[in-house]
N, C-alpha and C. Protein backbone atom coordinates (compact mmCIF):
# COMPACT_ATOMS: atom_id res chain seq x y z
N UNK A 1 -64.02 68.94 216.57
CA UNK A 1 -62.29 68.71 216.24
C UNK A 1 -62.51 70.25 217.51
N UNK A 2 -61.46 68.17 218.31
CA UNK A 2 -61.43 69.16 220.30
C UNK A 2 -60.64 70.23 220.12
N UNK A 3 -60.86 70.56 221.38
CA UNK A 3 -60.53 71.94 221.18
C UNK A 3 -58.33 72.03 221.61
N UNK A 4 -58.41 70.94 222.01
CA UNK A 4 -56.92 70.38 222.14
C UNK A 4 -56.13 70.05 220.66
N UNK A 5 -57.08 69.41 220.51
CA UNK A 5 -56.20 69.28 218.81
C UNK A 5 -56.26 70.53 217.87
N UNK A 6 -57.50 71.37 218.30
CA UNK A 6 -56.91 72.54 217.89
C UNK A 6 -56.23 73.87 217.94
N UNK A 7 -56.26 73.94 219.44
CA UNK A 7 -54.97 75.07 219.86
C UNK A 7 -53.44 74.09 219.07
N UNK A 8 -53.32 72.93 219.11
CA UNK A 8 -52.39 72.22 218.69
C UNK A 8 -51.28 72.61 216.93
N UNK A 9 -52.91 72.55 216.29
CA UNK A 9 -52.69 73.19 214.87
C UNK A 9 -52.50 74.71 215.24
N UNK A 10 -52.72 75.36 215.90
CA UNK A 10 -52.51 77.04 215.99
C UNK A 10 -51.22 76.83 215.62
N UNK A 11 -50.44 76.22 216.59
CA UNK A 11 -49.37 76.78 217.21
C UNK A 11 -48.44 75.69 216.21
N UNK A 12 -48.32 74.38 215.36
CA UNK A 12 -47.50 73.07 214.57
C UNK A 12 -48.58 73.49 213.66
N UNK A 13 -48.12 73.66 212.24
CA UNK A 13 -48.14 72.43 211.84
C UNK A 13 -48.72 71.21 211.10
N UNK A 14 -49.98 70.86 210.83
CA UNK A 14 -50.88 69.46 211.68
C UNK A 14 -49.59 68.45 211.28
N UNK A 15 -49.78 68.37 209.54
CA UNK A 15 -49.34 67.56 208.76
C UNK A 15 -47.75 67.05 209.14
N UNK A 16 -46.82 67.96 208.50
CA UNK A 16 -45.41 68.11 209.47
C UNK A 16 -45.18 68.05 210.69
N UNK A 17 -45.13 68.33 211.48
CA UNK A 17 -45.72 67.95 212.86
C UNK A 17 -45.90 66.37 213.64
N UNK A 18 -46.85 65.95 213.24
CA UNK A 18 -47.34 64.14 213.10
C UNK A 18 -46.25 63.14 211.85
N UNK A 19 -45.47 63.75 210.68
CA UNK A 19 -44.99 63.26 209.99
C UNK A 19 -43.67 62.81 211.12
N UNK A 20 -43.38 63.82 212.02
CA UNK A 20 -42.27 64.08 212.24
C UNK A 20 -42.00 63.06 213.83
N UNK A 21 -43.30 63.38 214.50
CA UNK A 21 -43.64 62.27 215.84
C UNK A 21 -44.28 61.21 215.42
N UNK A 22 -44.95 60.75 214.41
CA UNK A 22 -45.06 59.03 213.46
C UNK A 22 -43.65 58.46 212.90
N UNK A 23 -42.06 60.07 213.23
CA UNK A 23 -41.13 58.92 212.85
C UNK A 23 -40.66 58.54 214.58
N UNK A 24 -41.25 59.51 214.86
CA UNK A 24 -40.48 59.35 216.60
C UNK A 24 -40.40 58.08 216.72
N UNK A 25 -42.42 57.70 216.66
CA UNK A 25 -42.63 56.86 218.14
C UNK A 25 -43.02 55.74 217.00
N UNK A 26 -42.05 55.38 215.80
CA UNK A 26 -41.75 54.20 214.62
C UNK A 26 -41.42 53.32 215.66
N UNK A 27 -41.40 51.85 215.68
CA UNK A 27 -40.82 51.24 216.23
C UNK A 27 -40.51 50.39 215.27
N UNK A 28 -40.91 50.47 214.13
CA UNK A 28 -40.29 49.55 213.50
C UNK A 28 -39.26 50.67 212.04
N UNK A 29 -38.57 49.86 210.57
CA UNK A 29 -38.33 51.34 209.88
C UNK A 29 -39.23 51.57 209.52
N UNK A 30 -38.97 52.74 208.61
CA UNK A 30 -39.98 53.24 208.02
C UNK A 30 -39.40 54.09 206.62
N UNK A 31 -40.78 53.81 205.82
CA UNK A 31 -40.58 54.60 204.99
C UNK A 31 -41.19 55.97 204.22
N UNK A 32 -41.55 56.21 203.73
CA UNK A 32 -42.46 57.51 203.06
C UNK A 32 -44.51 57.00 203.12
N UNK A 33 -44.29 56.15 202.52
CA UNK A 33 -45.62 55.33 201.95
C UNK A 33 -46.14 55.55 202.94
N UNK A 34 -45.41 54.51 204.31
CA UNK A 34 -45.69 54.01 205.56
C UNK A 34 -46.56 55.50 206.54
N UNK A 35 -45.76 56.63 206.38
CA UNK A 35 -45.71 57.75 206.68
C UNK A 35 -47.12 58.68 206.17
N UNK A 36 -47.07 58.46 204.74
CA UNK A 36 -48.65 58.91 204.38
C UNK A 36 -49.48 58.26 204.63
N UNK A 37 -49.86 57.68 204.25
CA UNK A 37 -50.43 56.52 204.93
C UNK A 37 -51.25 57.24 206.47
N UNK A 38 -50.27 56.50 207.67
CA UNK A 38 -50.86 57.03 208.97
C UNK A 38 -50.45 58.44 208.91
N UNK A 39 -50.67 59.73 208.36
CA UNK A 39 -50.68 61.01 209.27
C UNK A 39 -52.45 61.91 208.21
N UNK A 40 -52.67 60.30 206.96
CA UNK A 40 -53.26 60.80 205.75
C UNK A 40 -53.35 61.97 205.40
N UNK A 41 -51.65 61.71 204.38
CA UNK A 41 -51.38 62.61 203.48
C UNK A 41 -50.80 61.80 202.28
N UNK A 42 -50.86 62.98 201.55
CA UNK A 42 -50.35 61.82 199.86
C UNK A 42 -48.42 61.46 200.26
N UNK A 43 -48.00 60.96 198.63
CA UNK A 43 -47.27 60.55 198.65
C UNK A 43 -45.93 61.53 199.00
N UNK A 44 -46.14 62.47 197.66
CA UNK A 44 -46.07 63.61 197.34
C UNK A 44 -45.50 64.22 197.90
N UNK A 45 -46.63 64.94 198.48
CA UNK A 45 -46.44 65.47 199.74
C UNK A 45 -46.31 65.80 200.88
N UNK A 46 -45.50 64.37 201.19
CA UNK A 46 -45.16 63.55 202.14
C UNK A 46 -43.25 63.87 201.97
N UNK A 47 -43.30 63.34 200.23
CA UNK A 47 -41.90 63.79 200.38
C UNK A 47 -41.38 64.78 199.97
N UNK A 48 -41.89 66.12 199.94
CA UNK A 48 -41.45 67.13 200.23
C UNK A 48 -41.31 67.65 201.08
N UNK A 49 -42.30 67.03 201.74
CA UNK A 49 -42.40 67.72 203.57
C UNK A 49 -40.63 66.86 203.96
N UNK A 50 -39.78 65.19 203.79
CA UNK A 50 -39.42 65.17 203.84
C UNK A 50 -37.93 66.18 203.87
N UNK A 51 -38.15 66.28 202.01
CA UNK A 51 -36.76 67.02 201.89
C UNK A 51 -36.39 67.66 202.40
N UNK A 52 -37.63 68.71 202.85
CA UNK A 52 -37.07 70.52 204.00
C UNK A 52 -36.58 69.43 204.86
N UNK A 53 -37.13 68.84 205.96
CA UNK A 53 -36.65 68.18 207.36
C UNK A 53 -35.38 67.34 207.24
N UNK A 54 -34.71 66.66 205.75
CA UNK A 54 -33.83 66.82 204.89
C UNK A 54 -32.35 68.14 205.80
N UNK A 55 -33.43 68.97 204.83
CA UNK A 55 -32.12 70.01 204.33
C UNK A 55 -32.31 70.52 205.89
N UNK A 56 -32.65 70.71 206.85
CA UNK A 56 -33.44 71.29 207.95
C UNK A 56 -31.76 69.99 209.50
N UNK A 57 -31.74 69.09 208.31
CA UNK A 57 -31.10 68.04 209.51
C UNK A 57 -31.79 67.86 210.38
N UNK A 58 -32.66 67.02 210.27
CA UNK A 58 -34.34 66.39 211.25
C UNK A 58 -33.91 65.33 210.67
N UNK A 59 -34.15 64.82 209.45
CA UNK A 59 -33.96 63.99 209.40
C UNK A 59 -32.88 63.04 208.36
N UNK A 60 -32.52 61.58 208.36
CA UNK A 60 -31.85 61.51 207.36
C UNK A 60 -32.38 60.03 206.20
N UNK A 61 -32.27 59.74 205.32
CA UNK A 61 -32.51 58.55 204.07
C UNK A 61 -31.32 57.77 204.06
N UNK A 62 -31.75 56.79 204.63
CA UNK A 62 -30.60 55.72 203.73
C UNK A 62 -31.14 54.62 203.03
N UNK A 63 -30.68 54.48 202.26
CA UNK A 63 -31.14 53.85 201.21
C UNK A 63 -30.70 52.34 200.99
N UNK A 64 -31.46 51.76 200.67
CA UNK A 64 -31.40 49.43 200.70
C UNK A 64 -32.07 49.42 199.71
N UNK A 65 -31.19 48.58 199.32
CA UNK A 65 -31.82 48.80 197.25
C UNK A 65 -32.86 49.75 196.49
N UNK A 66 -34.13 49.47 196.71
CA UNK A 66 -34.87 50.52 195.86
C UNK A 66 -35.47 51.73 196.76
N UNK A 67 -35.57 51.15 197.86
CA UNK A 67 -36.36 51.50 199.41
C UNK A 67 -35.88 52.52 200.31
N UNK A 68 -35.56 53.37 200.48
CA UNK A 68 -35.32 54.56 201.55
C UNK A 68 -36.08 54.28 202.72
N UNK A 69 -35.70 54.40 203.30
CA UNK A 69 -36.22 53.61 205.28
C UNK A 69 -35.24 55.70 205.35
N UNK A 70 -35.63 55.78 206.28
CA UNK A 70 -35.98 56.66 207.35
C UNK A 70 -35.93 56.88 208.53
N UNK A 71 -34.81 57.98 208.89
CA UNK A 71 -34.53 57.69 210.48
C UNK A 71 -34.61 59.39 210.87
N UNK A 72 -34.32 59.58 212.00
CA UNK A 72 -33.57 60.60 212.31
C UNK A 72 -32.64 60.98 213.21
N UNK A 73 -32.16 62.35 212.71
CA UNK A 73 -31.17 62.95 213.21
C UNK A 73 -30.84 62.68 215.17
N UNK A 74 -30.27 63.30 215.45
CA UNK A 74 -29.96 63.54 217.16
C UNK A 74 -30.70 64.58 216.86
N UNK A 75 -30.71 65.70 216.47
CA UNK A 75 -31.62 67.26 216.25
C UNK A 75 -33.33 66.83 216.14
N UNK A 76 -33.66 66.04 215.23
CA UNK A 76 -34.90 65.34 214.79
C UNK A 76 -35.19 65.22 215.74
N UNK A 77 -34.99 63.92 217.12
CA UNK A 77 -34.92 63.18 217.80
C UNK A 77 -35.24 63.93 219.32
N UNK A 78 -34.57 65.23 219.74
CA UNK A 78 -34.92 66.30 219.93
C UNK A 78 -35.73 67.09 220.00
N UNK A 79 -36.60 67.56 218.71
CA UNK A 79 -37.41 68.73 218.47
C UNK A 79 -38.55 67.85 217.84
N UNK A 80 -38.76 66.10 217.63
CA UNK A 80 -39.97 65.53 217.68
C UNK A 80 -39.90 64.47 219.38
N UNK A 81 -39.35 65.14 220.22
CA UNK A 81 -40.16 65.09 221.82
C UNK A 81 -40.87 65.69 221.81
N UNK A 82 -40.19 67.41 221.96
CA UNK A 82 -40.42 68.89 221.88
C UNK A 82 -41.81 68.81 221.52
N UNK A 83 -41.53 68.71 220.21
CA UNK A 83 -43.23 68.52 219.65
C UNK A 83 -44.42 67.61 220.19
N UNK A 84 -43.45 66.03 220.33
CA UNK A 84 -44.92 65.37 221.13
C UNK A 84 -45.92 65.52 222.12
N UNK A 85 -44.31 65.91 223.35
CA UNK A 85 -44.42 66.82 225.19
C UNK A 85 -45.39 67.55 224.84
N UNK A 86 -45.94 68.75 223.93
CA UNK A 86 -46.26 69.61 223.71
C UNK A 86 -47.84 69.60 223.35
N UNK A 87 -48.08 68.37 221.86
CA UNK A 87 -49.13 67.23 221.94
C UNK A 87 -49.63 67.30 223.04
N UNK A 88 -48.76 66.47 223.81
CA UNK A 88 -49.61 65.82 224.66
C UNK A 88 -49.97 66.86 226.08
N UNK A 89 -49.83 67.95 226.30
CA UNK A 89 -49.60 69.27 227.69
C UNK A 89 -51.01 69.96 226.66
N UNK A 90 -51.28 69.77 225.51
CA UNK A 90 -52.54 70.77 225.18
C UNK A 90 -53.66 70.02 224.86
């Protein structure tokens, strides 16, 4: 493991942080299953994290038919920007 990744994981839980950053950097509509693959995590674990993030007003779910599209709230965007910046500095 690279030193900068190791120190990043000291400050942040890797999966939730990368989930938020992945959503922030996404150019297309994003679904929980796509994020799970992107961060190498189980779908059920991602959904659990996303539900907590929704309670904290970091993300919102938009139901389109059977699919739920994920979007960052204003607060979520600000947090994701900060995490992404910290990750790049480390």
